Amino acid sequence: MKLDQIQRIAIVGAGTMGQGIAQVSAMAGYQVLLYDIKPEMLERAQRQITKQLDKGIERGKVSESLKTETLGRIAYSTGFDDLKADVVVEAIIEKLSIKQELFQKLEKLNGPEAILASNTSSIPITRIAAAMEHPERFVGMHFFNPAHIMKLVEVISGAATSTETAKTIYELADKLGKKPVMANDAPGFIVNRVARHFYVEGLKVLEEGVAEVATIDRLVESSGFRMGPFRLMDLIGVDTNFSVTTSMFEAFHQDAKFRPSRIQQQKVDAGHHGRKSGRGFYDYSAK
């Protein structure tokens, strides 16, 4: 599959990442299908995409005509058989077995030219592709949250990913207005492997009673970071962040430096997932 052959992009998963990928794909002129098993997730995604485009208009970065064209290019579906496209991007839960099952179904549904990509932030591409019949057309395409704003996209080749597949996805990311980088296959790839300790060490400081959440964030932000670890976890999703840490902990054979935090586990168990749930390490219910 060459870049100029791509006309239709499908995204599996209408959560925060999925809806952002759908938006940037449609804004770049592609016909987009956003799929989720839950109708309410698709309804929420449609509202959120509209809201984000309206914010773009307020800031002078999006025109009314581009908003109309973008919304007109996105279709929503709960029907798995609708996931036929030139490129299919998966943005679902960070569970290896679930991703493997999904891609086994996707490669049977789509033709031999279609490229299948995962937005996984931590699971090795080779490991996901191990269950596929044609791993050469499978590649990592890792966006960053919020996907409609953040420029970086990691393009990760598994052991069997073809050079042409990786090149096409790199070119696609560039056409979407992103800054793609090629990465070799390893748990967490580049960014999440480096950034994991930003969160893990912040949580260890909290666990040890050295300082409170707000104090840790203020200290980190005063040193030049735009957000401290806890504000950033709330933005990304405490549950999502915990899932990535857990995945990397397992991928690195329980290396202690990647140990998930008991405090974060408790937040997830309580449903305190950050901004999206109204409460995480901070309370957003009154905002």
Protein backbone atom coordinates (compact mmCIF):
# COMPACT_ATOMS: atom_id res chain seq x y z
CA MET A 1 0.00 0.00 0.00
CA LYS A 2 1.37 3.39 -1.09
CA LEU A 3 0.41 6.71 0.47
CA ASP A 4 -1.46 7.88 -2.63
CA GLN A 5 -3.61 4.73 -2.53
CA ILE A 6 -5.01 5.52 0.91
CA GLN A 7 -8.52 6.93 0.81
CA ARG A 8 -10.30 5.41 3.80
CA ILE A 9 -9.05 5.08 7.38
CA ALA A 10 -10.84 3.11 10.08
CA ILE A 11 -10.22 3.53 13.80
CA VAL A 12 -11.11 0.85 16.33
CA GLY A 13 -12.03 2.35 19.70
CA ALA A 14 -13.85 5.66 20.24
CA GLY A 15 -12.11 6.65 23.44
CA THR A 16 -9.94 9.73 23.87
CA MET A 17 -7.21 8.53 21.51
CA GLY A 18 -9.54 7.04 18.91
CA GLN A 19 -11.62 10.16 18.55
CA GLY A 20 -8.49 12.31 18.24
CA ILE A 21 -7.05 10.09 15.51
CA ALA A 22 -10.40 10.17 13.70
CA GLN A 23 -10.47 13.96 13.84
CA VAL A 24 -6.97 14.54 12.44
CA SER A 25 -7.53 11.93 9.73
CA ALA A 26 -10.75 13.59 8.60
CA MET A 27 -9.18 17.05 8.75
CA ALA A 28 -6.46 15.78 6.40
CA GLY A 29 -9.11 14.84 3.84
CA TYR A 30 -9.60 11.12 4.46
CA GLN A 31 -12.89 9.30 4.72
CA VAL A 32 -13.01 7.96 8.26
CA LEU A 33 -14.91 5.24 10.07
CA LEU A 34 -14.86 5.34 13.86
CA TYR A 35 -15.88 2.01 15.41
CA ASP A 36 -16.79 1.05 18.95
CA ILE A 37 -18.88 -1.73 20.47
CA LYS A 38 -20.69 0.81 22.67
CA PRO A 39 -23.09 3.26 20.96
CA GLU A 40 -22.74 5.70 23.85
CA MET A 41 -19.00 5.91 23.22
CA LEU A 42 -19.63 6.88 19.61
CA GLU A 43 -22.16 9.51 20.66
CA ARG A 44 -19.67 10.95 23.15
CA ALA A 45 -16.91 10.92 20.53
CA GLN A 46 -19.08 12.81 18.06
CA ARG A 47 -19.83 15.48 20.65
CA GLN A 48 -16.18 15.74 21.65
CA ILE A 49 -14.90 16.04 18.08
CA THR A 50 -17.42 18.81 17.42
CA LYS A 51 -16.36 20.55 20.63
CA GLN A 52 -12.67 20.34 19.69
CA LEU A 53 -13.35 21.77 16.24
CA ASP A 54 -15.32 24.62 17.80
CA LYS A 55 -12.36 25.38 20.06
CA GLY A 56 -10.17 25.43 16.97
CA ILE A 57 -12.48 27.99 15.39
CA GLU A 58 -12.35 30.15 18.53
CA ARG A 59 -8.55 30.13 18.36
CA GLY A 60 -8.50 30.94 14.66
CA LYS A 61 -6.93 27.61 13.69
CA VAL A 62 -9.99 26.00 12.10
CA SER A 63 -12.45 27.55 9.63
CA GLU A 64 -16.19 26.93 9.62
CA SER A 65 -15.88 25.21 6.26
CA LEU A 66 -13.14 22.88 7.51
CA LYS A 67 -15.29 21.97 10.50
CA THR A 68 -18.22 21.12 8.23
CA GLU A 69 -16.03 19.11 5.85
CA THR A 70 -14.33 17.25 8.71
CA LEU A 71 -17.59 16.24 10.38
CA GLY A 72 -18.96 15.14 7.02
CA ARG A 73 -16.05 12.77 6.46
CA ILE A 74 -16.52 10.81 9.72
CA ALA A 75 -18.93 7.87 9.92
CA TYR A 76 -19.70 6.04 13.17
CA SER A 77 -20.48 2.34 13.51
CA THR A 78 -20.91 -0.53 15.96
CA GLY A 79 -20.77 -3.04 13.11
CA PHE A 80 -17.45 -4.89 12.95
CA ASP A 81 -17.92 -5.76 9.29
CA ASP A 82 -17.73 -2.03 8.51
CA LEU A 83 -14.04 -2.04 9.43
CA LYS A 84 -12.88 -2.40 5.83
CA ALA A 85 -10.36 0.27 4.96
CA ASP A 86 -6.98 1.00 3.42
CA VAL A 87 -5.55 1.63 6.89
CA VAL A 88 -7.04 0.38 10.17
CA VAL A 89 -5.73 1.88 13.40
CA GLU A 90 -6.45 0.17 16.72
CA ALA A 91 -6.84 2.32 19.84
CA ILE A 92 -8.25 0.00 22.50
CA ILE A 93 -7.27 -1.33 25.91
CA GLU A 94 -3.61 -2.27 26.54
CA LYS A 95 -4.18 -6.02 26.75
CA LEU A 96 -2.09 -8.28 24.51
CA SER A 97 -4.65 -11.08 24.11
CA ILE A 98 -7.44 -8.65 23.18
CA LYS A 99 -5.29 -6.89 20.59
CA GLN A 100 -4.15 -10.19 19.08
CA GLU A 101 -7.71 -11.42 18.74
CA LEU A 102 -8.75 -8.14 17.14
CA PHE A 103 -6.00 -8.16 14.51
CA GLN A 104 -6.65 -11.78 13.63
CA LYS A 105 -10.21 -10.74 12.76
CA LEU A 106 -9.15 -7.54 11.00
CA GLU A 107 -6.71 -9.24 8.63
CA LYS A 108 -9.40 -11.74 7.58
CA LEU A 109 -11.87 -8.91 6.99
CA ASN A 110 -9.52 -6.70 4.95
CA GLY A 111 -7.71 -7.27 1.68
CA PRO A 112 -4.00 -8.13 1.39
CA GLU A 113 -3.03 -4.53 0.61
CA ALA A 114 -4.58 -3.03 3.75
CA ILE A 115 -2.23 -1.82 6.48
CA LEU A 116 -3.12 -2.68 10.07
CA ALA A 117 -1.68 -0.44 12.79
CA SER A 118 -1.73 -0.34 16.56
CA ASN A 119 -1.71 2.79 18.71
CA THR A 120 -0.30 0.72 21.58
CA SER A 121 1.96 2.74 23.84
CA SER A 122 3.77 -0.12 25.51
CA ILE A 123 3.22 -3.61 24.02
CA PRO A 124 5.92 -4.75 21.54
CA ILE A 125 4.65 -4.82 17.97
CA THR A 126 6.30 -8.18 17.31
CA ARG A 127 4.40 -9.70 20.21
CA ILE A 128 1.02 -8.52 18.89
CA ALA A 129 1.88 -9.63 15.35
CA ALA A 130 2.84 -13.13 16.51
CA ALA A 131 -0.79 -14.19 16.21
CA MET A 132 -1.21 -12.82 12.66
CA GLU A 133 -0.88 -14.62 9.34
CA HIS A 134 0.58 -11.54 7.62
CA PRO A 135 2.68 -9.62 10.17
CA GLU A 136 4.48 -7.84 7.35
CA ARG A 137 1.54 -5.46 6.96
CA PHE A 138 1.31 -4.71 10.67
CA VAL A 139 3.00 -1.69 12.25
CA GLY A 140 2.90 0.52 15.33
CA MET A 141 1.46 4.03 14.89
CA HIS A 142 1.63 5.58 18.32
CA PHE A 143 -0.07 8.97 18.73
CA PHE A 144 0.16 11.07 21.88
CA ASN A 145 -2.66 12.55 23.93
CA PRO A 146 -4.39 14.75 22.89
CA ALA A 147 -3.96 13.29 19.43
CA HIS A 148 -5.52 16.26 17.62
CA ILE A 149 -2.89 18.59 19.12
CA MET A 150 0.28 16.64 19.93
CA LYS A 151 2.64 16.48 16.95
CA LEU A 152 4.73 13.41 17.68
CA VAL A 153 3.88 10.00 16.22
CA GLU A 154 6.12 6.97 16.78
CA VAL A 155 6.21 4.55 13.83
CA ILE A 156 7.36 1.18 15.16
CA SER A 157 8.44 -1.75 13.01
CA GLY A 158 8.07 -5.26 14.39
CA ALA A 159 10.45 -8.03 13.42
CA ALA A 160 8.31 -8.89 10.37
CA THR A 161 7.00 -5.42 9.42
CA SER A 162 7.85 -4.69 5.80
CA THR A 163 9.90 -1.62 4.92
CA GLU A 164 7.13 -0.42 2.62
CA THR A 165 4.49 -0.68 5.37
CA ALA A 166 6.56 1.38 7.81
CA LYS A 167 7.41 3.95 5.10
CA THR A 168 3.76 4.40 4.13
CA ILE A 169 2.65 4.94 7.73
CA TYR A 170 5.51 7.39 8.26
CA GLU A 171 4.35 9.34 5.20
CA LEU A 172 0.73 9.14 6.35
CA ALA A 173 1.61 10.59 9.76
CA ASP A 174 3.42 13.43 8.01
CA LYS A 175 0.38 14.10 5.83
CA LEU A 176 -1.77 14.25 8.98
CA GLY A 177 0.39 17.16 10.08
CA LYS A 178 2.39 15.16 12.60
CA LYS A 179 6.13 14.78 13.24
CA PRO A 180 6.80 11.05 12.77
CA VAL A 181 9.87 9.26 14.07
CA MET A 182 10.94 5.71 13.30
CA ALA A 183 11.46 3.49 16.36
CA ASN A 184 12.66 -0.05 16.84
CA ASP A 185 10.46 -2.53 18.65
CA ALA A 186 10.82 -2.61 22.45
CA PRO A 187 8.45 -2.22 25.42
CA GLY A 188 7.41 1.42 25.68
CA PHE A 189 9.35 2.25 22.47
CA ILE A 190 11.10 5.62 22.97
CA VAL A 191 8.85 8.10 24.75
CA ASN A 192 7.00 5.87 27.20
CA ARG A 193 10.16 4.07 28.22
CA VAL A 194 11.80 7.39 29.08
CA ALA A 195 8.68 9.06 30.49
CA ARG A 196 7.56 6.12 32.63
CA HIS A 197 9.89 7.19 35.43
CA PHE A 198 8.41 10.67 35.39
CA TYR A 199 5.21 9.09 36.70
CA VAL A 200 6.66 6.19 38.69
CA GLU A 201 9.11 8.33 40.66
CA GLY A 202 6.45 10.95 41.35
CA LEU A 203 4.23 8.21 42.77
CA LYS A 204 7.09 6.83 44.86
CA VAL A 205 7.66 10.28 46.38
CA LEU A 206 3.95 10.36 47.24
CA GLU A 207 3.98 6.81 48.64
CA GLU A 208 6.92 7.64 50.89
CA GLY A 209 5.19 10.72 52.28
CA VAL A 210 7.87 13.12 51.10
CA ALA A 211 5.31 15.62 49.75
CA GLU A 212 1.67 15.93 48.71
CA VAL A 213 0.35 15.73 45.16
CA ALA A 214 0.02 19.49 44.57
CA THR A 215 3.46 20.19 46.04
CA ILE A 216 5.16 17.61 43.82
CA ASP A 217 3.43 19.02 40.76
CA ARG A 218 4.36 22.62 41.63
CA LEU A 219 8.00 21.71 42.16
CA VAL A 220 8.21 19.86 38.84
CA GLU A 221 6.39 22.64 36.97
CA SER A 222 8.65 25.30 38.51
CA SER A 223 11.64 23.46 37.04
CA GLY A 224 10.28 23.94 33.51
CA PHE A 225 7.78 21.13 32.90
CA ARG A 226 4.42 22.26 31.58
CA MET A 227 2.61 19.77 33.84
CA GLY A 228 3.63 17.83 36.90
CA PRO A 229 3.20 14.03 36.91
CA PHE A 230 -0.17 14.01 38.67
CA ARG A 231 -1.80 16.70 36.51
CA LEU A 232 -0.53 14.87 33.45
CA MET A 233 -1.82 11.48 34.66
CA ASP A 234 -5.24 13.07 35.24
CA LEU A 235 -5.21 14.46 31.70
CA ILE A 236 -4.11 11.18 30.07
CA GLY A 237 -6.34 9.07 32.30
CA VAL A 238 -5.17 7.50 35.54
CA ASP A 239 -6.48 4.13 34.36
CA THR A 240 -4.73 4.40 30.99
CA ASN A 241 -1.47 5.43 32.62
CA PHE A 242 -1.69 2.59 35.13
CA SER A 243 -2.40 0.09 32.33
CA VAL A 244 0.70 1.20 30.42
CA THR A 245 2.89 0.98 33.54
CA THR A 246 1.55 -2.50 34.31
CA SER A 247 2.16 -3.61 30.73
CA MET A 248 5.75 -2.36 30.80
CA PHE A 249 6.38 -3.92 34.22
CA GLU A 250 5.37 -7.29 32.78
CA ALA A 251 7.26 -6.75 29.51
CA PHE A 252 10.47 -6.03 31.42
CA HIS A 253 10.01 -9.19 33.53
CA GLN A 254 8.95 -7.37 36.72
CA ASP A 255 11.92 -5.03 36.78
CA ALA A 256 11.43 -3.05 40.02
CA LYS A 257 12.03 0.30 38.36
CA PHE A 258 8.74 -0.11 36.46
CA ARG A 259 6.69 -1.30 39.46
CA PRO A 260 3.10 0.03 39.35
CA SER A 261 2.01 2.13 42.32
CA ARG A 262 -0.45 0.89 44.93
CA ILE A 263 -1.83 4.43 45.17
CA GLN A 264 -2.55 4.52 41.46
CA GLN A 265 -4.12 1.06 41.64
CA GLN A 266 -6.45 2.34 44.35
CA LYS A 267 -7.46 5.33 42.21
CA VAL A 268 -8.30 3.00 39.33
CA ASP A 269 -10.29 0.65 41.59
CA ALA A 270 -12.27 3.62 42.91
CA GLY A 271 -13.09 4.86 39.40
CA HIS A 272 -11.05 8.04 39.89
CA HIS A 273 -9.70 8.10 36.36
CA GLY A 274 -8.88 11.80 36.10
CA ARG A 275 -10.51 14.59 34.14
CA LYS A 276 -12.72 12.25 32.14
CA SER A 277 -14.38 10.87 35.30
CA GLY A 278 -14.44 14.17 37.21
CA ARG A 279 -11.91 13.04 39.77
CA GLY A 280 -8.38 11.66 39.82
CA PHE A 281 -5.50 12.98 41.86
CA TYR A 282 -7.46 16.26 41.71
CA ASP A 283 -11.19 16.94 41.94
CA TYR A 284 -12.75 18.31 38.75
CA SER A 285 -16.39 17.90 39.72
CA ALA A 286 -16.93 21.64 40.26
CA LYS A 287 -15.24 22.65 36.99
